[in-house]
PDB file of N, CA and C in Angstrom:
ATOM      1  N   MET A   1      76.258  69.349 118.423  1.00  0.00           N
ATOM      2  CA  MET A   1      76.455  70.755 118.129  1.00  0.00           C
ATOM      3  C   MET A   1      75.140  71.520 118.257  1.00  0.00           C
ATOM      4  N   ARG A   2      74.078  70.867 117.859  1.00  0.00           N
ATOM      5  CA  ARG A   2      72.751  71.513 117.910  1.00  0.00           C
ATOM      6  C   ARG A   2      72.340  71.861 119.348  1.00  0.00           C
ATOM      7  N   PRO A   3      72.467  70.976 120.320  1.00  0.00           N
ATOM      8  CA  PRO A   3      72.092  71.325 121.703  1.00  0.00           C
ATOM      9  C   PRO A   3      72.949  72.458 122.273  1.00  0.00           C
ATOM     10  N   LEU A   4      74.227  72.484 121.903  1.00  0.00           N
ATOM     11  CA  LEU A   4      75.106  73.546 122.386  1.00  0.00           C
ATOM     12  C   LEU A   4      74.666  74.892 121.836  1.00  0.00           C
ATOM     13  N   SER A   5      74.233  74.954 120.597  1.00  0.00           N
ATOM     14  CA  SER A   5      73.741  76.192 119.999  1.00  0.00           C
ATOM     15  C   SER A   5      72.467  76.666 120.702  1.00  0.00           C
ATOM     16  N   LEU A   6      71.587  75.725 121.015  1.00  0.00           N
ATOM     17  CA  LEU A   6      70.354  76.078 121.720  1.00  0.00           C
ATOM     18  C   LEU A   6      70.650  76.613 123.130  1.00  0.00           C
ATOM     19  N   VAL A   7      71.585  75.986 123.793  1.00  0.00           N
ATOM     20  CA  VAL A   7      71.962  76.440 125.141  1.00  0.00           C
ATOM     21  C   VAL A   7      72.575  77.836 125.067  1.00  0.00           C
ATOM     22  N   LEU A   8      73.454  78.069 124.118  1.00  0.00           N
ATOM     23  CA  LEU A   8      74.079  79.385 123.968  1.00  0.00           C
ATOM     24  C   LEU A   8      73.042  80.449 123.595  1.00  0.00           C
ATOM     25  N   ALA A   9      72.102  80.107 122.730  1.00  0.00           N
ATOM     26  CA  ALA A   9      71.036  81.050 122.367  1.00  0.00           C
ATOM     27  C   ALA A   9      70.164  81.353 123.585  1.00  0.00           C
ATOM     28  N   GLY A  10      69.863  80.341 124.372  1.00  0.00           N
ATOM     29  CA  GLY A  10      69.086  80.541 125.602  1.00  0.00           C
ATOM     30  C   GLY A  10      69.821  81.437 126.583  1.00  0.00           C
ATOM     31  N   LEU A  11      71.109  81.222 126.748  1.00  0.00           N
ATOM     32  CA  LEU A  11      71.914  82.071 127.637  1.00  0.00           C
ATOM     33  C   LEU A  11      71.968  83.505 127.129  1.00  0.00           C
ATOM     34  N   LEU A  12      72.051  83.660 125.821  1.00  0.00           N
ATOM     35  CA  LEU A  12      72.072  84.998 125.236  1.00  0.00           C
ATOM     36  C   LEU A  12      70.751  85.734 125.529  1.00  0.00           C
ATOM     37  N   LEU A  13      69.645  85.023 125.370  1.00  0.00           N
ATOM     38  CA  LEU A  13      68.341  85.628 125.693  1.00  0.00           C
ATOM     39  C   LEU A  13      68.223  85.936 127.176  1.00  0.00           C
ATOM     40  N   LEU A  14      68.761  85.054 128.011  1.00  0.00           N
ATOM     41  CA  LEU A  14      68.715  85.268 129.454  1.00  0.00           C
ATOM     42  C   LEU A  14      69.538  86.492 129.853  1.00  0.00           C
ATOM     43  N   ILE A  15      70.632  86.695 129.192  1.00  0.00           N
ATOM     44  CA  ILE A  15      71.466  87.873 129.470  1.00  0.00           C
ATOM     45  C   ILE A  15      70.778  89.149 128.979  1.00  0.00           C
ATOM     46  N   GLN A  16      70.034  89.056 127.894  1.00  0.00           N
ATOM     47  CA  GLN A  16      69.353  90.223 127.334  1.00  0.00           C
ATOM     48  C   GLN A  16      68.164  90.679 128.184  1.00  0.00           C
ATOM     49  N   TYR A  17      67.577  89.778 128.970  1.00  0.00           N
ATOM     50  CA  TYR A  17      66.385  90.113 129.755  1.00  0.00           C
ATOM     51  C   TYR A  17      66.579  91.367 130.626  1.00  0.00           C
ATOM     52  N   PRO A  18      67.625  91.437 131.454  1.00  0.00           N
ATOM     53  CA  PRO A  18      67.770  92.654 132.274  1.00  0.00           C
ATOM     54  C   PRO A  18      67.983  93.918 131.449  1.00  0.00           C
ATOM     55  N   LEU A  19      68.612  93.766 130.290  1.00  0.00           N
ATOM     56  CA  LEU A  19      68.856  94.916 129.436  1.00  0.00           C
ATOM     57  C   LEU A  19      67.546  95.529 128.941  1.00  0.00           C
ATOM     58  N   TRP A  20      66.579  94.704 128.573  1.00  0.00           N
ATOM     59  CA  TRP A  20      65.327  95.199 128.008  1.00  0.00           C
ATOM     60  C   TRP A  20      64.233  95.379 129.058  1.00  0.00           C
ATOM     61  N   LEU A  21      64.081  94.437 129.952  1.00  0.00           N
ATOM     62  CA  LEU A  21      62.926  94.444 130.853  1.00  0.00           C
ATOM     63  C   LEU A  21      63.287  94.607 132.324  1.00  0.00           C
ATOM     64  N   GLY A  22      64.546  94.712 132.652  1.00  0.00           N
ATOM     65  CA  GLY A  22      64.957  94.817 134.045  1.00  0.00           C
ATOM     66  C   GLY A  22      64.696  96.194 134.636  1.00  0.00           C
ATOM     67  N   LYS A  23      65.132  96.368 135.893  1.00  0.00           N
ATOM     68  CA  LYS A  23      64.891  97.615 136.627  1.00  0.00           C
ATOM     69  C   LYS A  23      65.507  98.817 135.920  1.00  0.00           C
ATOM     70  N   GLY A  24      66.686  98.669 135.371  1.00  0.00           N
ATOM     71  CA  GLY A  24      67.342  99.758 134.653  1.00  0.00           C
ATOM     72  C   GLY A  24      67.403  99.508 133.166  1.00  0.00           C
ATOM     73  N   GLY A  25      66.434  98.782 132.643  1.00  0.00           N
ATOM     74  CA  GLY A  25      66.437  98.396 131.243  1.00  0.00           C
ATOM     75  C   GLY A  25      66.108  99.549 130.306  1.00  0.00           C
ATOM     76  N   ILE A  26      66.290  99.278 129.058  1.00  0.00           N
ATOM     77  CA  ILE A  26      66.094 100.293 128.025  1.00  0.00           C
ATOM     78  C   ILE A  26      64.654 100.788 127.994  1.00  0.00           C
ATOM     79  N   LEU A  27      63.694  99.875 128.119  1.00  0.00           N
ATOM     80  CA  LEU A  27      62.285 100.283 128.104  1.00  0.00           C
ATOM     81  C   LEU A  27      61.978 101.223 129.266  1.00  0.00           C
ATOM     82  N   ARG A  28      62.525 100.932 130.423  1.00  0.00           N
ATOM     83  CA  ARG A  28      62.322 101.785 131.611  1.00  0.00           C
ATOM     84  C   ARG A  28      62.988 103.148 131.391  1.00  0.00           C
ATOM     85  N   VAL A  29      64.153 103.157 130.786  1.00  0.00           N
ATOM     86  CA  VAL A  29      64.855 104.413 130.505  1.00  0.00           C
ATOM     87  C   VAL A  29      64.051 105.265 129.537  1.00  0.00           C
ATOM     88  N   TRP A  30      63.477 104.658 128.509  1.00  0.00           N
ATOM     89  CA  TRP A  30      62.655 105.407 127.545  1.00  0.00           C
ATOM     90  C   TRP A  30      61.441 106.020 128.241  1.00  0.00           C
ATOM     91  N   GLU A  31      60.793 105.244 129.109  1.00  0.00           N
ATOM     92  CA  GLU A  31      59.628 105.746 129.834  1.00  0.00           C
ATOM     93  C   GLU A  31      60.017 106.909 130.755  1.00  0.00           C
ATOM     94  N   MET A  32      61.144 106.778 131.423  1.00  0.00           N
ATOM     95  CA  MET A  32      61.607 107.848 132.317  1.00  0.00           C
ATOM     96  C   MET A  32      61.956 109.108 131.518  1.00  0.00           C
ATOM     97  N   GLU A  33      62.557 108.964 130.353  1.00  0.00           N
ATOM     98  CA  GLU A  33      62.876 110.116 129.512  1.00  0.00           C
ATOM     99  C   GLU A  33      61.605 110.826 129.057  1.00  0.00           C
ATOM    100  N   ARG A  34      60.565 110.045 128.740  1.00  0.00           N
ATOM    101  CA  ARG A  34      59.274 110.640 128.356  1.00  0.00           C
ATOM    102  C   ARG A  34      58.668 111.408 129.532  1.00  0.00           C
ATOM    103  N   GLN A  35      58.723 110.812 130.713  1.00  0.00           N
ATOM    104  CA  GLN A  35      58.192 111.482 131.899  1.00  0.00           C
ATOM    105  C   GLN A  35      58.977 112.751 132.217  1.00  0.00           C
ATOM    106  N   ILE A  36      60.273 112.717 132.019  1.00  0.00           N
ATOM    107  CA  ILE A  36      61.114 113.901 132.258  1.00  0.00           C
ATOM    108  C   ILE A  36      60.737 115.016 131.294  1.00  0.00           C
ATOM    109  N   ALA A  37      60.501 114.676 130.032  1.00  0.00           N
ATOM    110  CA  ALA A  37      60.119 115.693 129.043  1.00  0.00           C
ATOM    111  C   ALA A  37      58.784 116.331 129.413  1.00  0.00           C
ATOM    112  N   VAL A  38      57.820 115.520 129.851  1.00  0.00           N
ATOM    113  CA  VAL A  38      56.516 116.053 130.272  1.00  0.00           C
ATOM    114  C   VAL A  38      56.684 116.952 131.485  1.00  0.00           C
ATOM    115  N   GLN A  39      57.500 116.528 132.436  1.00  0.00           N
ATOM    116  CA  GLN A  39      57.707 117.324 133.649  1.00  0.00           C
ATOM    117  C   GLN A  39      58.432 118.630 133.340  1.00  0.00           C
ATOM    118  N   LYS A  40      59.377 118.602 132.412  1.00  0.00           N
ATOM    119  CA  LYS A  40      60.063 119.838 132.030  1.00  0.00           C
ATOM    120  C   LYS A  40      59.097 120.826 131.401  1.00  0.00           C
ATOM    121  N   GLU A  41      58.176 120.337 130.570  1.00  0.00           N
ATOM    122  CA  GLU A  41      57.162 121.203 129.957  1.00  0.00           C
ATOM    123  C   GLU A  41      56.256 121.814 131.028  1.00  0.00           C
ATOM    124  N   THR A  42      55.846 120.987 131.991  1.00  0.00           N
ATOM    125  CA  THR A  42      55.015 121.479 133.096  1.00  0.00           C
ATOM    126  C   THR A  42      55.772 122.517 133.905  1.00  0.00           C
ATOM    127  N   ASN A  43      57.026 122.242 134.192  1.00  0.00           N
ATOM    128  CA  ASN A  43      57.841 123.186 134.959  1.00  0.00           C
ATOM    129  C   ASN A  43      58.007 124.508 134.215  1.00  0.00           C
ATOM    130  N   SER A  44      58.169 124.427 132.903  1.00  0.00           N
ATOM    131  CA  SER A  44      58.318 125.637 132.097  1.00  0.00           C
ATOM    132  C   SER A  44      57.055 126.498 132.170  1.00  0.00           C
ATOM    133  N   ASN A  45      55.892 125.851 132.040  1.00  0.00           N
ATOM    134  CA  ASN A  45      54.627 126.593 132.139  1.00  0.00           C
ATOM    135  C   ASN A  45      54.451 127.214 133.519  1.00  0.00           C
ATOM    136  N   LEU A  46      54.773 126.462 134.557  1.00  0.00           N
ATOM    137  CA  LEU A  46      54.647 126.982 135.924  1.00  0.00           C
ATOM    138  C   LEU A  46      55.646 128.112 136.183  1.00  0.00           C
ATOM    139  N   HIS A  47      56.823 128.005 135.606  1.00  0.00           N
ATOM    140  CA  HIS A  47      57.822 129.064 135.768  1.00  0.00           C
ATOM    141  C   HIS A  47      57.326 130.372 135.131  1.00  0.00           C
ATOM    142  N   ALA A  48      56.728 130.264 133.950  1.00  0.00           N
ATOM    143  CA  ALA A  48      56.187 131.459 133.286  1.00  0.00           C
ATOM    144  C   ALA A  48      55.051 132.061 134.110  1.00  0.00           C
ATOM    145  N   ARG A  49      54.182 131.222 134.656  1.00  0.00           N
ATOM    146  CA  ARG A  49      53.081 131.715 135.497  1.00  0.00           C
ATOM    147  C   ARG A  49      53.622 132.383 136.763  1.00  0.00           C
ATOM    148  N   ASN A  50      54.631 131.774 137.375  1.00  0.00           N
ATOM    149  CA  ASN A  50      55.224 132.355 138.578  1.00  0.00           C
ATOM    150  C   ASN A  50      55.879 133.703 138.278  1.00  0.00           C
ATOM    151  N   ALA A  51      56.516 133.809 137.127  1.00  0.00           N
ATOM    152  CA  ALA A  51      57.144 135.078 136.754  1.00  0.00           C
ATOM    153  C   ALA A  51      56.091 136.168 136.580  1.00  0.00           C
ATOM    154  N   ALA A  52      54.951 135.827 135.973  1.00  0.00           N
ATOM    155  CA  ALA A  52      53.882 136.810 135.801  1.00  0.00           C
ATOM    156  C   ALA A  52      53.312 137.226 137.153  1.00  0.00           C
ATOM    157  N   LEU A  53      53.113 136.264 138.046  1.00  0.00           N
ATOM    158  CA  LEU A  53      52.602 136.588 139.381  1.00  0.00           C
ATOM    159  C   LEU A  53      53.599 137.427 140.171  1.00  0.00           C
ATOM    160  N   GLU A  54      54.875 137.124 140.010  1.00  0.00           N
ATOM    161  CA  GLU A  54      55.915 137.898 140.690  1.00  0.00           C
ATOM    162  C   GLU A  54      55.920 139.342 140.192  1.00  0.00           C
ATOM    163  N   ALA A  55      55.731 139.529 138.903  1.00  0.00           N
ATOM    164  CA  ALA A  55      55.673 140.880 138.345  1.00  0.00           C
ATOM    165  C   ALA A  55      54.453 141.626 138.878  1.00  0.00           C
ATOM    166  N   ASP A  56      53.321 140.936 138.994  1.00  0.00           N
ATOM    167  CA  ASP A  56      52.122 141.564 139.562  1.00  0.00           C
ATOM    168  C   ASP A  56      52.349 141.993 141.008  1.00  0.00           C
ATOM    169  N   VAL A  57      52.964 141.126 141.781  1.00  0.00           N
ATOM    170  CA  VAL A  57      53.230 141.446 143.185  1.00  0.00           C
ATOM    171  C   VAL A  57      54.176 142.635 143.284  1.00  0.00           C
ATOM    172  N   ARG A  58      55.206 142.642 142.447  1.00  0.00           N
ATOM    173  CA  ARG A  58      56.158 143.758 142.454  1.00  0.00           C
ATOM    174  C   ARG A  58      55.459 145.070 142.096  1.00  0.00           C
ATOM    175  N   ASP A  59      54.579 145.031 141.084  1.00  0.00           N
ATOM    176  CA  ASP A  59      53.835 146.238 140.700  1.00  0.00           C
ATOM    177  C   ASP A  59      52.931 146.712 141.825  1.00  0.00           C
ATOM    178  N   LEU A  60      52.266 145.785 142.482  1.00  0.00           N
ATOM    179  CA  LEU A  60      51.356 146.159 143.564  1.00  0.00           C
ATOM    180  C   LEU A  60      52.107 146.734 144.758  1.00  0.00           C
ATOM    181  N   LYS A  61      53.318 146.252 145.009  1.00  0.00           N
ATOM    182  CA  LYS A  61      54.101 146.760 146.136  1.00  0.00           C
ATOM    183  C   LYS A  61      54.716 148.126 145.838  1.00  0.00           C
ATOM    184  N   GLN A  62      55.089 148.378 144.579  1.00  0.00           N
ATOM    185  CA  GLN A  62      55.840 149.584 144.263  1.00  0.00           C
ATOM    186  C   GLN A  62      54.966 150.774 143.896  1.00  0.00           C
ATOM    187  N   GLY A  63      53.929 150.575 143.147  1.00  0.00           N
ATOM    188  CA  GLY A  63      53.195 151.731 142.655  1.00  0.00           C
ATOM    189  C   GLY A  63      51.710 151.632 142.889  1.00  0.00           C
ATOM    190  N   LEU A  64      51.078 152.792 142.895  1.00  0.00           N
ATOM    191  CA  LEU A  64      49.640 152.836 143.093  1.00  0.00           C
ATOM    192  C   LEU A  64      48.877 152.639 141.790  1.00  0.00           C
ATOM    193  N   GLU A  65      49.569 152.770 140.663  1.00  0.00           N
ATOM    194  CA  GLU A  65      48.893 152.606 139.385  1.00  0.00           C
ATOM    195  C   GLU A  65      48.315 151.201 139.241  1.00  0.00           C
ATOM    196  N   ALA A  66      49.074 150.203 139.658  1.00  0.00           N
ATOM    197  CA  ALA A  66      48.601 148.825 139.544  1.00  0.00           C
ATOM    198  C   ALA A  66      47.408 148.584 140.462  1.00  0.00           C
ATOM    199  N   VAL A  67      47.453 149.152 141.650  1.00  0.00           N
ATOM    200  CA  VAL A  67      46.336 149.005 142.585  1.00  0.00           C
ATOM    201  C   VAL A  67      45.100 149.681 142.008  1.00  0.00           C
ATOM    202  N   GLU A  68      45.278 150.887 141.461  1.00  0.00           N
ATOM    203  CA  GLU A  68      44.147 151.606 140.874  1.00  0.00           C
ATOM    204  C   GLU A  68      43.582 150.848 139.678  1.00  0.00           C
ATOM    205  N   GLU A  69      44.454 150.285 138.846  1.00  0.00           N
ATOM    206  CA  GLU A  69      43.990 149.532 137.676  1.00  0.00           C
ATOM    207  C   GLU A  69      43.173 148.317 138.101  1.00  0.00           C
ATOM    208  N   ARG A  70      43.640 147.605 139.124  1.00  0.00           N
ATOM    209  CA  ARG A  70      42.892 146.444 139.609  1.00  0.00           C
ATOM    210  C   ARG A  70      41.552 146.863 140.200  1.00  0.00           C
ATOM    211  N   ALA A  71      41.531 147.968 140.950  1.00  0.00           N
ATOM    212  CA  ALA A  71      40.279 148.437 141.538  1.00  0.00           C
ATOM    213  C   ALA A  71      39.274 148.803 140.444  1.00  0.00           C
ATOM    214  N   ARG A  72      39.750 149.396 139.375  1.00  0.00           N
ATOM    215  CA  ARG A  72      38.862 149.777 138.273  1.00  0.00           C
ATOM    216  C   ARG A  72      38.349 148.551 137.518  1.00  0.00           C
ATOM    217  N   SER A  73      39.253 147.656 137.135  1.00  0.00           N
ATOM    218  CA  SER A  73      38.848 146.547 136.269  1.00  0.00           C
ATOM    219  C   SER A  73      38.119 145.438 137.018  1.00  0.00           C
ATOM    220  N   GLU A  74      38.569 145.110 138.219  1.00  0.00           N
ATOM    221  CA  GLU A  74      37.986 143.977 138.916  1.00  0.00           C
ATOM    222  C   GLU A  74      36.832 144.377 139.835  1.00  0.00           C
ATOM    223  N   LEU A  75      36.907 145.555 140.422  1.00  0.00           N
ATOM    224  CA  LEU A  75      35.881 145.955 141.388  1.00  0.00           C
ATOM    225  C   LEU A  75      34.930 147.013 140.856  1.00  0.00           C
ATOM    226  N   GLY A  76      35.245 147.578 139.682  1.00  0.00           N
ATOM    227  CA  GLY A  76      34.370 148.588 139.094  1.00  0.00           C
ATOM    228  C   GLY A  76      34.379 149.912 139.852  1.00  0.00           C
ATOM    229  N   MET A  77      35.459 150.242 140.511  1.00  0.00           N
ATOM    230  CA  MET A  77      35.544 151.468 141.307  1.00  0.00           C
ATOM    231  C   MET A  77      35.934 152.654 140.419  1.00  0.00           C
ATOM    232  N   ILE A  78      35.511 153.851 140.849  1.00  0.00           N
ATOM    233  CA  ILE A  78      35.886 155.091 140.170  1.00  0.00           C
ATOM    234  C   ILE A  78      36.302 156.095 141.225  1.00  0.00           C
ATOM    235  N   ARG A  79      36.980 157.167 140.788  1.00  0.00           N
ATOM    236  CA  ARG A  79      37.389 158.227 141.714  1.00  0.00           C
ATOM    237  C   ARG A  79      36.215 159.149 142.017  1.00  0.00           C
ATOM    238  N   LYS A  80      36.380 159.987 143.023  1.00  0.00           N
ATOM    239  CA  LYS A  80      35.311 160.907 143.406  1.00  0.00           C
ATOM    240  C   LYS A  80      35.033 161.941 142.320  1.00  0.00           C
ATOM    241  N   ASP A  81      36.060 162.389 141.626  1.00  0.00           N
ATOM    242  CA  ASP A  81      35.894 163.452 140.632  1.00  0.00           C
ATOM    243  C   ASP A  81      35.594 162.919 139.230  1.00  0.00           C
ATOM    244  N   GLU A  82      35.321 161.643 139.085  1.00  0.00           N
ATOM    245  CA  GLU A  82      35.057 161.061 137.780  1.00  0.00           C
ATOM    246  C   GLU A  82      33.562 160.801 137.585  1.00  0.00           C
ATOM    247  N   ILE A  83      33.167 160.750 136.330  1.00  0.00           N
ATOM    248  CA  ILE A  83      31.793 160.418 135.974  1.00  0.00           C
ATOM    249  C   ILE A  83      31.832 159.095 135.227  1.00  0.00           C
ATOM    250  N   PHE A  84      30.972 158.194 135.630  1.00  0.00           N
ATOM    251  CA  PHE A  84      30.925 156.864 135.037  1.00  0.00           C
ATOM    252  C   PHE A  84      29.883 156.814 133.937  1.00  0.00           C
ATOM    253  N   PHE A  85      30.309 156.370 132.753  1.00  0.00           N
ATOM    254  CA  PHE A  85      29.405 156.169 131.625  1.00  0.00           C
ATOM    255  C   PHE A  85      29.423 154.690 131.268  1.00  0.00           C
ATOM    256  N   GLN A  86      28.249 154.114 131.116  1.00  0.00           N
ATOM    257  CA  GLN A  86      28.153 152.722 130.698  1.00  0.00           C
ATOM    258  C   GLN A  86      27.531 152.692 129.312  1.00  0.00           C
ATOM    259  N   VAL A  87      28.241 152.114 128.373  1.00  0.00           N
ATOM    260  CA  VAL A  87      27.768 152.026 126.997  1.00  0.00           C
ATOM    261  C   VAL A  87      27.200 150.630 126.806  1.00  0.00           C
ATOM    262  N   ILE A  88      25.936 150.579 126.415  1.00  0.00           N
ATOM    263  CA  ILE A  88      25.278 149.306 126.184  1.00  0.00           C
ATOM    264  C   ILE A  88      25.132 149.124 124.683  1.00  0.00           C
ATOM    265  N   GLU A  89      25.694 148.034 124.184  1.00  0.00           N
ATOM    266  CA  GLU A  89      25.630 147.740 122.762  1.00  0.00           C
ATOM    267  C   GLU A  89      24.224 147.237 122.433  1.00  0.00           C
ATOM    268  N   PRO A  90      23.632 147.727 121.330  1.00  0.00           N
ATOM    269  CA  PRO A  90      22.310 147.219 120.961  1.00  0.00           C
ATOM    270  C   PRO A  90      22.419 145.759 120.511  1.00  0.00           C
ATOM    271  N   SER A  91      21.427 144.992 120.890  1.00  0.00           N
ATOM    272  CA  SER A  91      21.461 143.579 120.514  1.00  0.00           C
ATOM    273  C   SER A  91      21.108 143.437 119.037  1.00  0.00           C
ATOM    274  N   SER A  92      21.488 142.328 118.460  1.00  0.00           N
ATOM    275  CA  SER A  92      21.242 142.121 117.029  1.00  0.00           C
ATOM    276  C   SER A  92      19.755 141.911 116.757  1.00  0.00           C
ATOM    277  N   ARG A  93      19.028 141.417 117.733  1.00  0.00           N
ATOM    278  CA  ARG A  93      17.594 141.202 117.591  1.00  0.00           C
ATOM    279  C   ARG A  93      16.864 142.294 118.349  1.00  0.00           C
ATOM    280  N   ALA A  94      16.018 143.005 117.700  1.00  0.00           N
ATOM    281  CA  ALA A  94      15.241 144.048 118.379  1.00  0.00           C
ATOM    282  C   ALA A  94      14.222 143.370 119.276  1.00  0.00           C
ATOM    283  N   SER A  95      14.156 143.831 120.499  1.00  0.00           N
ATOM    284  CA  SER A  95      13.217 143.204 121.444  1.00  0.00           C
ATOM    285  C   SER A  95      11.900 143.950 121.382  1.00  0.00           C
ATOM    286  N   VAL A  96      11.073 143.530 120.479  1.00  0.00           N
ATOM    287  CA  VAL A  96       9.755 144.123 120.307  1.00  0.00           C
ATOM    288  C   VAL A  96       8.758 143.206 120.997  1.00  0.00           C
ATOM    289  N   PRO A  97       7.943 143.761 121.908  1.00  0.00           N
ATOM    290  CA  PRO A  97       6.983 142.885 122.587  1.00  0.00           C
ATOM    291  C   PRO A  97       5.949 142.380 121.600  1.00  0.00           C
ATOM    292  N   PRO A  98       5.506 141.169 121.758  1.00  0.00           N
ATOM    293  CA  PRO A  98       4.499 140.624 120.823  1.00  0.00           C
ATOM    294  C   PRO A  98       3.184 141.357 120.978  1.00  0.00           C
ATOM    295  N   ALA A  99       2.460 141.450 119.884  1.00  0.00           N
ATOM    296  CA  ALA A  99       1.154 142.134 119.892  1.00  0.00           C
ATOM    297  C   ALA A  99       0.161 141.350 120.714  1.00  0.00           C
ATOM    298  N   VAL A 100      -0.591 142.058 121.484  1.00  0.00           N
ATOM    299  CA  VAL A 100      -1.606 141.416 122.323  1.00  0.00           C
ATOM    300  C   VAL A 100      -2.860 141.222 121.481  1.00  0.00           C
ATOM    301  N   GLN A 101      -3.344 140.000 121.397  1.00  0.00           N
ATOM    302  CA  GLN A 101      -4.533 139.705 120.622  1.00  0.00           C
ATOM    303  C   GLN A 101      -5.745 139.677 121.535  1.00  0.00           C
ATOM    304  N   LYS A 102      -6.797 140.296 121.108  1.00  0.00           N
ATOM    305  CA  LYS A 102      -8.024 140.319 121.902  1.00  0.00           C
ATOM    306  C   LYS A 102      -9.136 139.639 121.186  1.00  0.00           C
TER     307      LYS A 102
END
């Protein structure tokens, strides 16, 4: 009876091998589900970025306000009838030149 039990236990383990470690086993399925979740997160981020870029393109094609805003912010351009003022914030440390010793 003892050898028959060992043989049956061995067969049971042999049958379990493909379930756990085979090509379509549970461990492989868990890994694939994890990879799918990571890819869905990446796709979601890329979709949001694409939507923002699409909105920018639509604004640039339809109106001049977006073009003017980009020219002002990125290129520092101004109109002919405008006056440009640059405000320089004072630094926290006063830049006093050191005294010259003679």
